[in-house]
Protein backbone atom coordinates (compact mmCIF):
# COMPACT_ATOMS: atom_id res chain seq x y z
CA MET A 1 0.00 0.03 -0.02
CA LYS A 2 1.28 3.37 -1.05
CA ALA A 3 1.74 6.03 1.75
CA LYS A 4 -0.70 8.88 1.48
CA PRO A 5 0.98 12.29 1.28
CA ILE A 6 1.18 14.49 4.34
CA ARG A 7 -0.51 17.78 3.81
CA LEU A 8 1.35 20.62 5.38
CA THR A 9 -1.76 22.61 6.09
CA ALA A 10 -3.68 23.79 9.10
CA SER A 11 -6.56 21.54 8.12
CA GLY A 12 -4.08 18.60 7.67
CA LEU A 13 -2.32 19.29 11.12
CA ALA A 14 -5.67 19.47 13.00
CA GLY A 15 -7.48 16.70 11.05
CA THR A 16 -4.74 14.31 11.43
CA VAL A 17 -3.99 15.35 15.16
CA LEU A 18 -0.49 16.48 14.45
CA TYR A 19 -0.04 13.73 11.79
CA VAL A 20 -0.90 10.91 14.08
CA GLY A 21 -3.38 9.89 11.62
CA HIS A 22 -0.57 8.85 9.18
CA LEU A 23 0.60 6.19 11.61
CA ARG A 24 -0.27 2.47 10.20
CA PRO A 25 -1.68 0.25 10.74
CA ALA A 26 -5.05 1.27 12.11
CA PRO A 27 -4.89 4.98 12.17
CA GLY A 28 -8.11 5.23 13.96
CA THR A 29 -6.82 3.39 16.90
CA TRP A 30 -3.57 5.50 16.77
CA GLY A 31 -6.00 8.68 16.90
CA SER A 32 -7.89 7.13 20.02
CA LEU A 33 -4.69 6.36 21.82
CA ALA A 34 -3.38 9.93 21.12
CA ALA A 35 -6.69 11.15 22.71
CA LEU A 36 -5.68 9.64 26.06
CA PRO A 37 -2.44 11.71 26.86
CA LEU A 38 -4.29 14.86 25.30
CA ALA A 39 -7.15 14.38 27.67
CA TRP A 40 -4.78 14.09 30.63
CA LEU A 41 -2.85 17.12 29.59
CA ILE A 42 -6.01 19.33 29.19
CA TRP A 43 -7.08 17.98 32.65
CA GLN A 44 -3.71 18.98 34.07
CA LEU A 45 -3.87 22.54 32.44
CA GLY A 46 -7.47 23.47 33.38
CA GLY A 47 -9.37 20.49 35.26
CA VAL A 48 -12.57 18.96 34.39
CA TRP A 49 -14.03 22.21 32.83
CA LEU A 50 -11.47 22.75 30.53
CA PHE A 51 -11.70 19.21 29.42
CA LEU A 52 -15.37 19.44 28.98
CA LEU A 53 -15.02 22.77 27.00
CA ALA A 54 -12.29 21.02 24.88
CA ILE A 55 -14.86 18.46 23.52
CA PRO A 56 -17.24 20.73 21.68
CA ALA A 57 -14.09 22.89 20.60
CA ALA A 58 -12.36 19.79 19.19
CA PHE A 59 -15.70 18.94 17.48
CA ALA A 60 -16.05 22.10 15.77
CA ALA A 61 -12.31 21.93 14.76
CA GLY A 62 -12.86 18.72 13.39
CA VAL A 63 -15.81 19.54 11.17
CA TRP A 64 -13.86 22.56 9.69
CA ALA A 65 -10.61 20.35 9.21
CA THR A 66 -12.58 17.50 7.64
CA ARG A 67 -14.34 20.00 5.32
CA ALA A 68 -11.31 21.81 4.31
CA TYR A 69 -9.10 18.59 4.01
CA THR A 70 -11.65 16.74 1.75
CA ALA A 71 -12.65 19.78 -0.38
CA GLN A 72 -10.54 18.47 -3.33
CA GLY A 73 -12.94 15.52 -3.64
CA GLY A 74 -12.33 11.90 -3.34
CA ASP A 75 -12.80 10.01 -0.26
CA HIS A 76 -15.16 11.93 2.12
CA ASP A 77 -13.64 9.94 5.27
CA PRO A 78 -9.94 9.66 4.53
CA SER A 79 -8.35 7.14 7.20
CA GLU A 80 -5.75 9.73 8.16
CA ILE A 81 -8.38 12.14 9.59
CA VAL A 82 -8.46 11.09 13.20
CA ILE A 83 -9.76 14.13 15.04
CA ASP A 84 -13.12 12.40 15.06
CA GLU A 85 -11.63 9.60 17.16
CA VAL A 86 -10.25 11.99 19.45
CA VAL A 87 -13.57 13.68 20.13
CA GLY A 88 -15.36 10.21 20.49
CA GLN A 89 -12.52 9.09 22.77
CA TRP A 90 -13.00 12.17 25.12
CA ILE A 91 -16.70 11.72 25.20
CA ALA A 92 -16.14 8.10 26.28
CA LEU A 93 -13.63 9.26 29.02
CA ALA A 94 -15.97 12.16 30.20
CA PRO A 95 -17.64 9.94 32.85
CA VAL A 96 -14.33 8.76 34.19
CA ILE A 97 -12.89 12.25 34.37
CA ILE A 98 -16.10 13.65 36.02
CA GLY A 99 -16.24 10.90 38.38
CA ALA A 100 -12.60 11.30 39.55
CA HIS A 101 -13.25 15.05 39.86
CA ALA A 102 -16.35 14.44 42.01
CA ALA A 103 -14.59 11.89 44.13
CA GLY A 104 -11.40 14.25 44.40
CA GLN A 105 -9.21 11.59 42.84
CA ASP A 106 -6.50 11.89 40.44
CA ILE A 107 -7.88 10.88 37.03
CA LEU A 108 -5.11 8.28 36.52
CA ALA A 109 -6.44 6.50 39.72
CA LEU A 110 -9.45 5.32 37.61
CA TYR A 111 -7.33 3.45 35.10
CA PRO A 112 -9.81 0.63 34.87
CA GLY A 113 -12.39 3.35 33.51
CA TRP A 114 -9.86 4.61 31.20
CA ILE A 115 -9.32 1.15 29.80
CA ALA A 116 -12.89 0.46 29.56
CA ALA A 117 -13.66 3.71 27.72
CA PHE A 118 -10.93 3.11 25.26
CA LEU A 119 -12.06 -0.42 24.46
CA LEU A 120 -15.81 0.29 24.22
CA PHE A 121 -15.02 3.38 22.00
CA ARG A 122 -12.98 1.27 19.58
CA LEU A 123 -15.60 -1.39 19.62
CA PHE A 124 -18.39 0.85 18.80
CA ASP A 125 -16.47 2.97 16.24
CA ILE A 126 -15.36 -0.29 14.39
CA TRP A 127 -18.77 -2.07 14.54
CA LYS A 128 -20.91 0.99 13.86
CA PRO A 129 -24.26 -0.15 15.29
CA TRP A 130 -27.53 1.87 14.92
CA LEU A 131 -26.90 5.57 15.01
CA VAL A 132 -23.23 5.31 14.61
CA GLY A 133 -23.80 3.59 11.20
CA ARG A 134 -26.44 5.99 10.30
CA ALA A 135 -24.22 8.94 11.01
CA ASP A 136 -21.29 7.43 9.11
CA ARG A 137 -23.54 6.93 6.16
CA ARG A 138 -24.15 10.81 5.71
CA GLY A 139 -21.08 11.00 3.55
CA ASP A 140 -19.96 14.48 4.76
CA ALA A 141 -17.84 16.10 7.33
CA MET A 142 -20.54 16.20 10.01
CA GLY A 143 -21.24 12.54 9.50
CA VAL A 144 -17.44 11.83 9.89
CA MET A 145 -17.60 13.60 13.32
CA LEU A 146 -21.07 12.47 14.45
CA ASP A 147 -20.39 8.66 14.07
CA ASP A 148 -17.58 9.03 16.67
CA VAL A 149 -19.75 11.32 18.87
CA TRP A 150 -22.45 8.50 18.88
CA ALA A 151 -19.75 5.82 19.51
CA GLY A 152 -18.36 7.96 22.29
CA LEU A 153 -21.84 8.38 23.90
CA PHE A 154 -22.45 4.69 23.78
CA ALA A 155 -19.05 3.90 25.24
CA ALA A 156 -19.57 6.57 27.93
CA VAL A 157 -22.95 5.20 28.93
CA ILE A 158 -21.63 1.60 29.36
CA THR A 159 -18.35 2.68 31.04
CA LEU A 160 -20.59 4.76 33.52
CA GLY A 161 -22.75 1.46 34.01
CA LEU A 162 -19.61 -0.56 34.64
CA ALA A 163 -18.36 1.87 37.12
CA GLY A 164 -21.68 1.68 38.89
CA LEU A 165 -21.54 -2.05 38.86
CA SER A 166 -17.85 -2.02 40.10
CA HIS A 167 -18.53 0.62 42.90
CA VAL A 168 -22.11 -0.54 44.04
CA VAL A 169 -22.29 -4.19 43.27
CA ILE A 170 -18.88 -5.68 43.47
CA ALA A 171 -16.90 -3.42 45.88
CA PRO A 172 -19.55 -1.55 47.96
């Protein structure tokens, strides 16, 4: 497989999340992995509120970057665009980070939640059930972003359920 050219543009930089999207194989997984230290860094810089504000900001940047990146035609969802994975992964992580904040814990202390959020997000992003698949079939920049938002929401709900199960049923 021939490597895709790296676009030295603002949309290329944002859409590929500092060119992480060019890593192979599985650029979506690399994008999701990149989201983890970025979430931690944002939390370090401004706490839970900055993290929560970063999600819609990254979504808006992702819609813009995807539109600009794909404006020349061709593939509406190139594999190197991974800002959508970052947004979805952050949504999946939100219950973990909010929970750590509410409990006064360091967010890394809840590492099982990080692992669950990561694995569940990847599952829904790859499987594309129901609303995830519907958004993916839109064929535009908004669809590129929305399928990962839905995957992130599904992963967040299940991560929250697993946390409740763990804290209420297994280890009360």
